[in-house]
Every structure is written in structure tokens, then in C-alpha cells.
Amino acid sequence: MTFNEILETVRGKAAAADASNYGFLAVQVNLTGNDGGVFYIEIKDGRVSVEPYEYIDRSCGITLSNDDFVKLMNGELDAVKAFTLGRLKVDGDLGKALEFSRIVG
């Protein structure tokens, strides 16, 4: 998938997500590869926002390839396993990254 296709897929999932039980969570996603890019996912006041920008005051940042992110979203890749194998890198609060993986997965 291209970066724009991934962004639109995440926006579609975000629109359907029930975030009423979550507090604040802001994750910057850094996608690597030929068509990489940066976007953030923010959960605040029960709403989910997805924007193609860097998020300065984020809870954490994750870095992985486009392909691995798609596999993560589709449930084909376990976030903990990807982290252990070095395919997913976390910058910031690891607990928030795990919480994010439960929301995405």
C-alpha cells in the first residue's frame, strides 16, 4: 500500500472506532520504505483524529515499514513480536505503544 492508502485506511478504522473508554493517547507513526511518511493518531475526548503531521507532544512514536504496519493493522503481525525482532521501534512510553497496538489490532 502507498502512504496515502494507509492513511485513508487508518482514517476509516478511526471513524468506526469506539474511543469512549480511552483517555488521551497520541502516537506518531513513522513509516519507512519507498513510500514512507509520518502521521499521528490522537485519541482525545472520545474522538480519534488521524493527520499526516508530526506530533510534538506525543505519548510515543513508533517506526516500522509500510508493509509491517499494514500487517499490524490486519492482525497478521503481533506488535510485541515485531518489537522483539526489531521490526518495530518505539520512542517514548512503551506502555502507550502497547495500548496503541491493542486499539489498532
PDB file of N, CA and C in Angstrom:
ATOM      1  N   MET A   1       0.843  -1.188   0.000  1.00  0.00           N
ATOM      2  CA  MET A   1       0.000   0.000   0.000  1.00  0.00           C
ATOM      3  C   MET A   1       0.888   1.251   0.000  1.00  0.00           C
ATOM      4  N   THR A   2       0.394   2.288  -0.610  1.00  0.00           N
ATOM      5  CA  THR A   2       1.103   3.559  -0.578  1.00  0.00           C
ATOM      6  C   THR A   2       0.809   4.262   0.747  1.00  0.00           C
ATOM      7  N   PHE A   3       1.582   5.290   1.028  1.00  0.00           N
ATOM      8  CA  PHE A   3       1.368   6.057   2.259  1.00  0.00           C
ATOM      9  C   PHE A   3      -0.049   6.612   2.313  1.00  0.00           C
ATOM     10  N   ASN A   4      -0.520   7.186   1.212  1.00  0.00           N
ATOM     11  CA  ASN A   4      -1.868   7.769   1.196  1.00  0.00           C
ATOM     12  C   ASN A   4      -2.952   6.713   1.390  1.00  0.00           C
ATOM     13  N   GLU A   5      -2.764   5.525   0.829  1.00  0.00           N
ATOM     14  CA  GLU A   5      -3.731   4.438   1.031  1.00  0.00           C
ATOM     15  C   GLU A   5      -3.744   4.005   2.494  1.00  0.00           C
ATOM     16  N   ILE A   6      -2.574   3.923   3.095  1.00  0.00           N
ATOM     17  CA  ILE A   6      -2.502   3.570   4.517  1.00  0.00           C
ATOM     18  C   ILE A   6      -3.202   4.628   5.348  1.00  0.00           C
ATOM     19  N   LEU A   7      -2.934   5.890   5.071  1.00  0.00           N
ATOM     20  CA  LEU A   7      -3.552   6.991   5.812  1.00  0.00           C
ATOM     21  C   LEU A   7      -5.071   6.930   5.709  1.00  0.00           C
ATOM     22  N   GLU A   8      -5.594   6.696   4.529  1.00  0.00           N
ATOM     23  CA  GLU A   8      -7.051   6.615   4.350  1.00  0.00           C
ATOM     24  C   GLU A   8      -7.634   5.385   5.052  1.00  0.00           C
ATOM     25  N   THR A   9      -6.914   4.276   5.037  1.00  0.00           N
ATOM     26  CA  THR A   9      -7.371   3.075   5.741  1.00  0.00           C
ATOM     27  C   THR A   9      -7.430   3.326   7.242  1.00  0.00           C
ATOM     28  N   VAL A  10      -6.404   3.968   7.768  1.00  0.00           N
ATOM     29  CA  VAL A  10      -6.382   4.276   9.205  1.00  0.00           C
ATOM     30  C   VAL A  10      -7.502   5.248   9.548  1.00  0.00           C
ATOM     31  N   ARG A  11      -7.736   6.231   8.703  1.00  0.00           N
ATOM     32  CA  ARG A  11      -8.845   7.174   8.949  1.00  0.00           C
ATOM     33  C   ARG A  11     -10.189   6.445   8.959  1.00  0.00           C
ATOM     34  N   GLY A  12     -10.366   5.481   8.056  1.00  0.00           N
ATOM     35  CA  GLY A  12     -11.604   4.708   8.025  1.00  0.00           C
ATOM     36  C   GLY A  12     -11.792   3.898   9.290  1.00  0.00           C
ATOM     37  N   LYS A  13     -10.717   3.260   9.757  1.00  0.00           N
ATOM     38  CA  LYS A  13     -10.789   2.493  11.004  1.00  0.00           C
ATOM     39  C   LYS A  13     -11.043   3.421  12.184  1.00  0.00           C
ATOM     40  N   ALA A  14     -10.426   4.591  12.162  1.00  0.00           N
ATOM     41  CA  ALA A  14     -10.598   5.549  13.249  1.00  0.00           C
ATOM     42  C   ALA A  14     -12.039   6.040  13.329  1.00  0.00           C
ATOM     43  N   ALA A  15     -12.663   6.254  12.181  1.00  0.00           N
ATOM     44  CA  ALA A  15     -14.048   6.728  12.169  1.00  0.00           C
ATOM     45  C   ALA A  15     -14.994   5.700  12.770  1.00  0.00           C
ATOM     46  N   ALA A  16     -14.656   4.421  12.627  1.00  0.00           N
ATOM     47  CA  ALA A  16     -15.510   3.351  13.147  1.00  0.00           C
ATOM     48  C   ALA A  16     -15.147   2.940  14.570  1.00  0.00           C
ATOM     49  N   ALA A  17     -14.041   3.459  15.094  1.00  0.00           N
ATOM     50  CA  ALA A  17     -13.555   3.038  16.408  1.00  0.00           C
ATOM     51  C   ALA A  17     -14.370   3.650  17.532  1.00  0.00           C
ATOM     52  N   ASP A  18     -14.549   2.871  18.583  1.00  0.00           N
ATOM     53  CA  ASP A  18     -15.188   3.369  19.806  1.00  0.00           C
ATOM     54  C   ASP A  18     -14.083   3.752  20.777  1.00  0.00           C
ATOM     55  N   ALA A  19     -13.833   5.033  20.891  1.00  0.00           N
ATOM     56  CA  ALA A  19     -12.750   5.517  21.745  1.00  0.00           C
ATOM     57  C   ALA A  19     -13.280   6.107  23.043  1.00  0.00           C
ATOM     58  N   SER A  20     -14.530   5.835  23.365  1.00  0.00           N
ATOM     59  CA  SER A  20     -15.137   6.432  24.551  1.00  0.00           C
ATOM     60  C   SER A  20     -14.501   5.961  25.854  1.00  0.00           C
ATOM     61  N   ASN A  21     -13.855   4.804  25.850  1.00  0.00           N
ATOM     62  CA  ASN A  21     -13.243   4.275  27.071  1.00  0.00           C
ATOM     63  C   ASN A  21     -11.773   4.638  27.215  1.00  0.00           C
ATOM     64  N   TYR A  22     -11.247   5.433  26.317  1.00  0.00           N
ATOM     65  CA  TYR A  22      -9.833   5.783  26.355  1.00  0.00           C
ATOM     66  C   TYR A  22      -9.655   7.234  26.763  1.00  0.00           C
ATOM     67  N   GLY A  23      -8.596   7.479  27.491  1.00  0.00           N
ATOM     68  CA  GLY A  23      -8.219   8.843  27.824  1.00  0.00           C
ATOM     69  C   GLY A  23      -7.439   9.422  26.667  1.00  0.00           C
ATOM     70  N   PHE A  24      -6.460  10.206  26.985  1.00  0.00           N
ATOM     71  CA  PHE A  24      -5.633  10.818  25.952  1.00  0.00           C
ATOM     72  C   PHE A  24      -4.548   9.851  25.505  1.00  0.00           C
ATOM     73  N   LEU A  25      -4.369   9.745  24.202  1.00  0.00           N
ATOM     74  CA  LEU A  25      -3.295   8.953  23.618  1.00  0.00           C
ATOM     75  C   LEU A  25      -2.934   9.573  22.276  1.00  0.00           C
ATOM     76  N   ALA A  26      -1.663   9.881  22.104  1.00  0.00           N
ATOM     77  CA  ALA A  26      -1.193  10.435  20.832  1.00  0.00           C
ATOM     78  C   ALA A  26       0.037   9.653  20.398  1.00  0.00           C
ATOM     79  N   VAL A  27      -0.066   9.017  19.247  1.00  0.00           N
ATOM     80  CA  VAL A  27       1.025   8.194  18.730  1.00  0.00           C
ATOM     81  C   VAL A  27       1.425   8.706  17.358  1.00  0.00           C
ATOM     82  N   GLN A  28       2.706   8.982  17.220  1.00  0.00           N
ATOM     83  CA  GLN A  28       3.225   9.336  15.910  1.00  0.00           C
ATOM     84  C   GLN A  28       3.708   8.064  15.240  1.00  0.00           C
ATOM     85  N   VAL A  29       3.278   7.847  14.008  1.00  0.00           N
ATOM     86  CA  VAL A  29       3.662   6.660  13.250  1.00  0.00           C
ATOM     87  C   VAL A  29       4.625   7.097  12.150  1.00  0.00           C
ATOM     88  N   ASN A  30       5.816   6.523  12.186  1.00  0.00           N
ATOM     89  CA  ASN A  30       6.845   6.809  11.182  1.00  0.00           C
ATOM     90  C   ASN A  30       6.972   5.576  10.300  1.00  0.00           C
ATOM     91  N   LEU A  31       6.558   5.703   9.052  1.00  0.00           N
ATOM     92  CA  LEU A  31       6.618   4.581   8.119  1.00  0.00           C
ATOM     93  C   LEU A  31       7.859   4.718   7.253  1.00  0.00           C
ATOM     94  N   THR A  32       8.586   3.615   7.137  1.00  0.00           N
ATOM     95  CA  THR A  32       9.809   3.618   6.338  1.00  0.00           C
ATOM     96  C   THR A  32       9.574   2.851   5.045  1.00  0.00           C
ATOM     97  N   GLY A  33      10.470   3.020   4.116  1.00  0.00           N
ATOM     98  CA  GLY A  33      10.353   2.328   2.840  1.00  0.00           C
ATOM     99  C   GLY A  33      10.260   3.322   1.705  1.00  0.00           C
ATOM    100  N   ASN A  34      10.001   2.807   0.519  1.00  0.00           N
ATOM    101  CA  ASN A  34       9.949   3.651  -0.673  1.00  0.00           C
ATOM    102  C   ASN A  34       8.883   4.734  -0.589  1.00  0.00           C
ATOM    103  N   ASP A  35       7.740   4.420  -0.020  1.00  0.00           N
ATOM    104  CA  ASP A  35       6.643   5.381   0.072  1.00  0.00           C
ATOM    105  C   ASP A  35       6.318   5.652   1.538  1.00  0.00           C
ATOM    106  N   GLY A  36       7.347   5.903   2.326  1.00  0.00           N
ATOM    107  CA  GLY A  36       7.170   6.145   3.751  1.00  0.00           C
ATOM    108  C   GLY A  36       6.595   7.521   4.022  1.00  0.00           C
ATOM    109  N   GLY A  37       6.344   7.783   5.275  1.00  0.00           N
ATOM    110  CA  GLY A  37       5.803   9.070   5.680  1.00  0.00           C
ATOM    111  C   GLY A  37       5.531   9.081   7.166  1.00  0.00           C
ATOM    112  N   VAL A  38       4.980  10.179   7.631  1.00  0.00           N
ATOM    113  CA  VAL A  38       4.695  10.369   9.047  1.00  0.00           C
ATOM    114  C   VAL A  38       3.243  10.796   9.207  1.00  0.00           C
ATOM    115  N   PHE A  39       2.572  10.201  10.181  1.00  0.00           N
ATOM    116  CA  PHE A  39       1.243  10.663  10.566  1.00  0.00           C
ATOM    117  C   PHE A  39       1.054  10.397  12.043  1.00  0.00           C
ATOM    118  N   TYR A  40       0.008  10.996  12.597  1.00  0.00           N
ATOM    119  CA  TYR A  40      -0.280  10.729  14.002  1.00  0.00           C
ATOM    120  C   TYR A  40      -1.715  10.294  14.168  1.00  0.00           C
ATOM    121  N   ILE A  41      -1.918   9.559  15.247  1.00  0.00           N
ATOM    122  CA  ILE A  41      -3.251   9.144  15.658  1.00  0.00           C
ATOM    123  C   ILE A  41      -3.432   9.668  17.075  1.00  0.00           C
ATOM    124  N   GLU A  42      -4.470  10.464  17.281  1.00  0.00           N
ATOM    125  CA  GLU A  42      -4.738  11.048  18.590  1.00  0.00           C
ATOM    126  C   GLU A  42      -6.126  10.628  19.066  1.00  0.00           C
ATOM    127  N   ILE A  43      -6.179  10.161  20.292  1.00  0.00           N
ATOM    128  CA  ILE A  43      -7.457   9.889  20.938  1.00  0.00           C
ATOM    129  C   ILE A  43      -7.598  10.913  22.049  1.00  0.00           C
ATOM    130  N   LYS A  44      -8.663  11.683  21.974  1.00  0.00           N
ATOM    131  CA  LYS A  44      -8.881  12.750  22.953  1.00  0.00           C
ATOM    132  C   LYS A  44     -10.380  13.021  23.038  1.00  0.00           C
ATOM    133  N   ASP A  45     -10.888  13.041  24.257  1.00  0.00           N
ATOM    134  CA  ASP A  45     -12.303  13.319  24.496  1.00  0.00           C
ATOM    135  C   ASP A  45     -13.216  12.368  23.725  1.00  0.00           C
ATOM    136  N   GLY A  46     -12.812  11.099  23.604  1.00  0.00           N
ATOM    137  CA  GLY A  46     -13.638  10.093  22.943  1.00  0.00           C
ATOM    138  C   GLY A  46     -13.622  10.146  21.435  1.00  0.00           C
ATOM    139  N   ARG A  47     -12.782  10.988  20.865  1.00  0.00           N
ATOM    140  CA  ARG A  47     -12.695  11.111  19.411  1.00  0.00           C
ATOM    141  C   ARG A  47     -11.308  10.703  18.935  1.00  0.00           C
ATOM    142  N   VAL A  48     -11.254  10.156  17.735  1.00  0.00           N
ATOM    143  CA  VAL A  48      -9.984   9.730  17.146  1.00  0.00           C
ATOM    144  C   VAL A  48      -9.691  10.628  15.942  1.00  0.00           C
ATOM    145  N   SER A  49      -8.494  11.199  15.941  1.00  0.00           N
ATOM    146  CA  SER A  49      -8.045  12.031  14.823  1.00  0.00           C
ATOM    147  C   SER A  49      -6.829  11.386  14.187  1.00  0.00           C
ATOM    148  N   VAL A  50      -6.768  11.461  12.874  1.00  0.00           N
ATOM    149  CA  VAL A  50      -5.617  10.943  12.122  1.00  0.00           C
ATOM    150  C   VAL A  50      -5.197  12.033  11.142  1.00  0.00           C
ATOM    151  N   GLU A  51      -3.952  12.503  11.291  1.00  0.00           N
ATOM    152  CA  GLU A  51      -3.473  13.587  10.433  1.00  0.00           C
ATOM    153  C   GLU A  51      -2.046  13.307   9.967  1.00  0.00           C
ATOM    154  N   PRO A  52      -1.708  13.742   8.758  1.00  0.00           N
ATOM    155  CA  PRO A  52      -0.370  13.477   8.203  1.00  0.00           C
ATOM    156  C   PRO A  52       0.676  14.502   8.650  1.00  0.00           C
ATOM    157  N   TYR A  53       0.860  14.621   9.947  1.00  0.00           N
ATOM    158  CA  TYR A  53       1.818  15.568  10.502  1.00  0.00           C
ATOM    159  C   TYR A  53       2.582  14.917  11.651  1.00  0.00           C
ATOM    160  N   GLU A  54       3.702  15.545  12.025  1.00  0.00           N
ATOM    161  CA  GLU A  54       4.406  15.127  13.228  1.00  0.00           C
ATOM    162  C   GLU A  54       3.638  15.649  14.436  1.00  0.00           C
ATOM    163  N   TYR A  55       3.754  14.934  15.557  1.00  0.00           N
ATOM    164  CA  TYR A  55       3.054  15.318  16.784  1.00  0.00           C
ATOM    165  C   TYR A  55       4.119  15.528  17.846  1.00  0.00           C
ATOM    166  N   ILE A  56       4.338  16.771  18.219  1.00  0.00           N
ATOM    167  CA  ILE A  56       5.435  17.121  19.118  1.00  0.00           C
ATOM    168  C   ILE A  56       5.229  16.555  20.524  1.00  0.00           C
ATOM    169  N   ASP A  57       4.059  16.719  21.116  1.00  0.00           N
ATOM    170  CA  ASP A  57       3.788  16.277  22.494  1.00  0.00           C
ATOM    171  C   ASP A  57       3.152  14.893  22.517  1.00  0.00           C
ATOM    172  N   ARG A  58       3.676  13.984  21.758  1.00  0.00           N
ATOM    173  CA  ARG A  58       3.097  12.647  21.626  1.00  0.00           C
ATOM    174  C   ARG A  58       3.376  11.797  22.864  1.00  0.00           C
ATOM    175  N   SER A  59       2.524  10.786  23.045  1.00  0.00           N
ATOM    176  CA  SER A  59       2.731   9.800  24.105  1.00  0.00           C
ATOM    177  C   SER A  59       3.898   8.894  23.758  1.00  0.00           C
ATOM    178  N   CYS A  60       4.005   8.562  22.469  1.00  0.00           N
ATOM    179  CA  CYS A  60       5.116   7.746  21.981  1.00  0.00           C
ATOM    180  C   CYS A  60       5.143   7.837  20.462  1.00  0.00           C
ATOM    181  N   GLY A  61       6.216   7.334  19.920  1.00  0.00           N
ATOM    182  CA  GLY A  61       6.345   7.236  18.471  1.00  0.00           C
ATOM    183  C   GLY A  61       6.723   5.810  18.124  1.00  0.00           C
ATOM    184  N   ILE A  62       6.209   5.348  17.015  1.00  0.00           N
ATOM    185  CA  ILE A  62       6.590   4.020  16.544  1.00  0.00           C
ATOM    186  C   ILE A  62       7.130   4.148  15.126  1.00  0.00           C
ATOM    187  N   THR A  63       8.111   3.319  14.822  1.00  0.00           N
ATOM    188  CA  THR A  63       8.710   3.316  13.494  1.00  0.00           C
ATOM    189  C   THR A  63       8.726   1.886  12.980  1.00  0.00           C
ATOM    190  N   LEU A  64       8.189   1.712  11.789  1.00  0.00           N
ATOM    191  CA  LEU A  64       8.194   0.410  11.131  1.00  0.00           C
ATOM    192  C   LEU A  64       7.951   0.608   9.647  1.00  0.00           C
ATOM    193  N   SER A  65       8.114  -0.449   8.881  1.00  0.00           N
ATOM    194  CA  SER A  65       7.932  -0.343   7.437  1.00  0.00           C
ATOM    195  C   SER A  65       6.441  -0.258   7.095  1.00  0.00           C
ATOM    196  N   ASN A  66       6.173   0.248   5.906  1.00  0.00           N
ATOM    197  CA  ASN A  66       4.787   0.288   5.421  1.00  0.00           C
ATOM    198  C   ASN A  66       4.158  -1.101   5.481  1.00  0.00           C
ATOM    199  N   ASP A  67       4.877  -2.087   4.957  1.00  0.00           N
ATOM    200  CA  ASP A  67       4.350  -3.457   4.908  1.00  0.00           C
ATOM    201  C   ASP A  67       4.041  -3.991   6.303  1.00  0.00           C
ATOM    202  N   ASP A  68       4.948  -3.762   7.254  1.00  0.00           N
ATOM    203  CA  ASP A  68       4.713  -4.256   8.607  1.00  0.00           C
ATOM    204  C   ASP A  68       3.545  -3.538   9.277  1.00  0.00           C
ATOM    205  N   PHE A  69       3.362  -2.253   8.987  1.00  0.00           N
ATOM    206  CA  PHE A  69       2.221  -1.534   9.569  1.00  0.00           C
ATOM    207  C   PHE A  69       0.905  -2.099   9.034  1.00  0.00           C
ATOM    208  N   VAL A  70       0.859  -2.384   7.746  1.00  0.00           N
ATOM    209  CA  VAL A  70      -0.346  -2.982   7.162  1.00  0.00           C
ATOM    210  C   VAL A  70      -0.624  -4.337   7.807  1.00  0.00           C
ATOM    211  N   LYS A  71       0.423  -5.141   7.994  1.00  0.00           N
ATOM    212  CA  LYS A  71       0.256  -6.442   8.656  1.00  0.00           C
ATOM    213  C   LYS A  71      -0.223  -6.262  10.093  1.00  0.00           C
ATOM    214  N   LEU A  72       0.281  -5.258  10.775  1.00  0.00           N
ATOM    215  CA  LEU A  72      -0.152  -4.970  12.144  1.00  0.00           C
ATOM    216  C   LEU A  72      -1.638  -4.616  12.179  1.00  0.00           C
ATOM    217  N   MET A  73      -2.072  -3.751  11.254  1.00  0.00           N
ATOM    218  CA  MET A  73      -3.483  -3.357  11.189  1.00  0.00           C
ATOM    219  C   MET A  73      -4.396  -4.533  10.863  1.00  0.00           C
ATOM    220  N   ASN A  74      -3.919  -5.454  10.028  1.00  0.00           N
ATOM    221  CA  ASN A  74      -4.740  -6.585   9.607  1.00  0.00           C
ATOM    222  C   ASN A  74      -4.664  -7.768  10.565  1.00  0.00           C
ATOM    223  N   GLY A  75      -3.909  -7.615  11.652  1.00  0.00           N
ATOM    224  CA  GLY A  75      -3.788  -8.698  12.627  1.00  0.00           C
ATOM    225  C   GLY A  75      -2.854  -9.810  12.195  1.00  0.00           C
ATOM    226  N   GLU A  76      -2.046  -9.568  11.178  1.00  0.00           N
ATOM    227  CA  GLU A  76      -1.117 -10.570  10.665  1.00  0.00           C
ATOM    228  C   GLU A  76       0.256 -10.479  11.327  1.00  0.00           C
ATOM    229  N   LEU A  77       0.474  -9.444  12.120  1.00  0.00           N
ATOM    230  CA  LEU A  77       1.746  -9.238  12.799  1.00  0.00           C
ATOM    231  C   LEU A  77       1.464  -8.811  14.228  1.00  0.00           C
ATOM    232  N   ASP A  78       2.050  -9.514  15.173  1.00  0.00           N
ATOM    233  CA  ASP A  78       1.912  -9.184  16.572  1.00  0.00           C
ATOM    234  C   ASP A  78       2.906  -8.072  16.919  1.00  0.00           C
ATOM    235  N   ALA A  79       2.426  -7.015  17.569  1.00  0.00           N
ATOM    236  CA  ALA A  79       3.273  -5.867  17.877  1.00  0.00           C
ATOM    237  C   ALA A  79       4.438  -6.242  18.792  1.00  0.00           C
ATOM    238  N   VAL A  80       4.193  -7.070  19.787  1.00  0.00           N
ATOM    239  CA  VAL A  80       5.256  -7.473  20.715  1.00  0.00           C
ATOM    240  C   VAL A  80       6.322  -8.279  19.988  1.00  0.00           C
ATOM    241  N   LYS A  81       5.892  -9.179  19.124  1.00  0.00           N
ATOM    242  CA  LYS A  81       6.843  -9.979  18.348  1.00  0.00           C
ATOM    243  C   LYS A  81       7.658  -9.080  17.415  1.00  0.00           C
ATOM    244  N   ALA A  82       6.983  -8.140  16.756  1.00  0.00           N
ATOM    245  CA  ALA A  82       7.678  -7.225  15.853  1.00  0.00           C
ATOM    246  C   ALA A  82       8.700  -6.386  16.621  1.00  0.00           C
ATOM    247  N   PHE A  83       8.333  -5.951  17.832  1.00  0.00           N
ATOM    248  CA  PHE A  83       9.254  -5.183  18.661  1.00  0.00           C
ATOM    249  C   PHE A  83      10.460  -6.030  19.056  1.00  0.00           C
ATOM    250  N   THR A  84      10.197  -7.266  19.461  1.00  0.00           N
ATOM    251  CA  THR A  84      11.266  -8.183  19.879  1.00  0.00           C
ATOM    252  C   THR A  84      12.225  -8.471  18.739  1.00  0.00           C
ATOM    253  N   LEU A  85      11.695  -8.590  17.531  1.00  0.00           N
ATOM    254  CA  LEU A  85      12.530  -8.883  16.361  1.00  0.00           C
ATOM    255  C   LEU A  85      13.201  -7.641  15.774  1.00  0.00           C
ATOM    256  N   GLY A  86      12.897  -6.468  16.327  1.00  0.00           N
ATOM    257  CA  GLY A  86      13.490  -5.239  15.833  1.00  0.00           C
ATOM    258  C   GLY A  86      12.811  -4.664  14.615  1.00  0.00           C
ATOM    259  N   ARG A  87      11.649  -5.184  14.266  1.00  0.00           N
ATOM    260  CA  ARG A  87      10.908  -4.679  13.099  1.00  0.00           C
ATOM    261  C   ARG A  87      10.056  -3.474  13.453  1.00  0.00           C
ATOM    262  N   LEU A  88       9.827  -3.258  14.745  1.00  0.00           N
ATOM    263  CA  LEU A  88       9.057  -2.118  15.244  1.00  0.00           C
ATOM    264  C   LEU A  88       9.891  -1.465  16.333  1.00  0.00           C
ATOM    265  N   LYS A  89      10.103  -0.170  16.191  1.00  0.00           N
ATOM    266  CA  LYS A  89      10.875   0.573  17.185  1.00  0.00           C
ATOM    267  C   LYS A  89       9.949   1.556  17.882  1.00  0.00           C
ATOM    268  N   VAL A  90      10.162   1.714  19.185  1.00  0.00           N
ATOM    269  CA  VAL A  90       9.333   2.603  19.987  1.00  0.00           C
ATOM    270  C   VAL A  90      10.196   3.707  20.572  1.00  0.00           C
ATOM    271  N   ASP A  91       9.715   4.920  20.441  1.00  0.00           N
ATOM    272  CA  ASP A  91      10.357   6.083  21.037  1.00  0.00           C
ATOM    273  C   ASP A  91       9.365   6.674  22.034  1.00  0.00           C
ATOM    274  N   GLY A  92       9.677   6.599  23.312  1.00  0.00           N
ATOM    275  CA  GLY A  92       8.772   7.137  24.318  1.00  0.00           C
ATOM    276  C   GLY A  92       8.200   6.039  25.187  1.00  0.00           C
ATOM    277  N   ASP A  93       6.970   6.224  25.621  1.00  0.00           N
ATOM    278  CA  ASP A  93       6.300   5.348  26.587  1.00  0.00           C
ATOM    279  C   ASP A  93       5.911   4.017  25.950  1.00  0.00           C
ATOM    280  N   LEU A  94       6.612   2.958  26.346  1.00  0.00           N
ATOM    281  CA  LEU A  94       6.340   1.624  25.798  1.00  0.00           C
ATOM    282  C   LEU A  94       4.933   1.147  26.154  1.00  0.00           C
ATOM    283  N   GLY A  95       4.446   1.497  27.338  1.00  0.00           N
ATOM    284  CA  GLY A  95       3.082   1.131  27.744  1.00  0.00           C
ATOM    285  C   GLY A  95       2.036   1.740  26.827  1.00  0.00           C
ATOM    286  N   LYS A  96       2.259   2.986  26.417  1.00  0.00           N
ATOM    287  CA  LYS A  96       1.332   3.645  25.482  1.00  0.00           C
ATOM    288  C   LYS A  96       1.398   2.975  24.109  1.00  0.00           C
ATOM    289  N   ALA A  97       2.579   2.522  23.716  1.00  0.00           N
ATOM    290  CA  ALA A  97       2.706   1.811  22.442  1.00  0.00           C
ATOM    291  C   ALA A  97       1.930   0.506  22.478  1.00  0.00           C
ATOM    292  N   LEU A  98       1.980  -0.203  23.601  1.00  0.00           N
ATOM    293  CA  LEU A  98       1.206  -1.443  23.744  1.00  0.00           C
ATOM    294  C   LEU A  98      -0.295  -1.162  23.729  1.00  0.00           C
ATOM    295  N   GLU A  99      -0.695  -0.094  24.396  1.00  0.00           N
ATOM    296  CA  GLU A  99      -2.104   0.296  24.379  1.00  0.00           C
ATOM    297  C   GLU A  99      -2.552   0.613  22.953  1.00  0.00           C
ATOM    298  N   PHE A 100      -1.703   1.305  22.215  1.00  0.00           N
ATOM    299  CA  PHE A 100      -1.991   1.627  20.820  1.00  0.00           C
ATOM    300  C   PHE A 100      -2.135   0.359  19.977  1.00  0.00           C
ATOM    301  N   SER A 101      -1.245  -0.613  20.208  1.00  0.00           N
ATOM    302  CA  SER A 101      -1.316  -1.851  19.428  1.00  0.00           C
ATOM    303  C   SER A 101      -2.622  -2.597  19.668  1.00  0.00           C
ATOM    304  N   ARG A 102      -3.156  -2.513  20.880  1.00  0.00           N
ATOM    305  CA  ARG A 102      -4.454  -3.141  21.162  1.00  0.00           C
ATOM    306  C   ARG A 102      -5.581  -2.426  20.437  1.00  0.00           C
ATOM    307  N   ILE A 103      -5.479  -1.115  20.330  1.00  0.00           N
ATOM    308  CA  ILE A 103      -6.514  -0.338  19.632  1.00  0.00           C
ATOM    309  C   ILE A 103      -6.465  -0.619  18.137  1.00  0.00           C
ATOM    310  N   VAL A 104      -5.261  -0.595  17.568  1.00  0.00           N
ATOM    311  CA  VAL A 104      -5.097  -0.811  16.123  1.00  0.00           C
ATOM    312  C   VAL A 104      -5.413  -2.239  15.754  1.00  0.00           C
ATOM    313  N   GLY A 105      -4.894  -3.183  16.551  1.00  0.00           N
ATOM    314  CA  GLY A 105      -5.059  -4.592  16.233  1.00  0.00           C
ATOM    315  C   GLY A 105      -6.433  -5.079  16.577  1.00  0.00           C
TER     316      GLY A 105
END
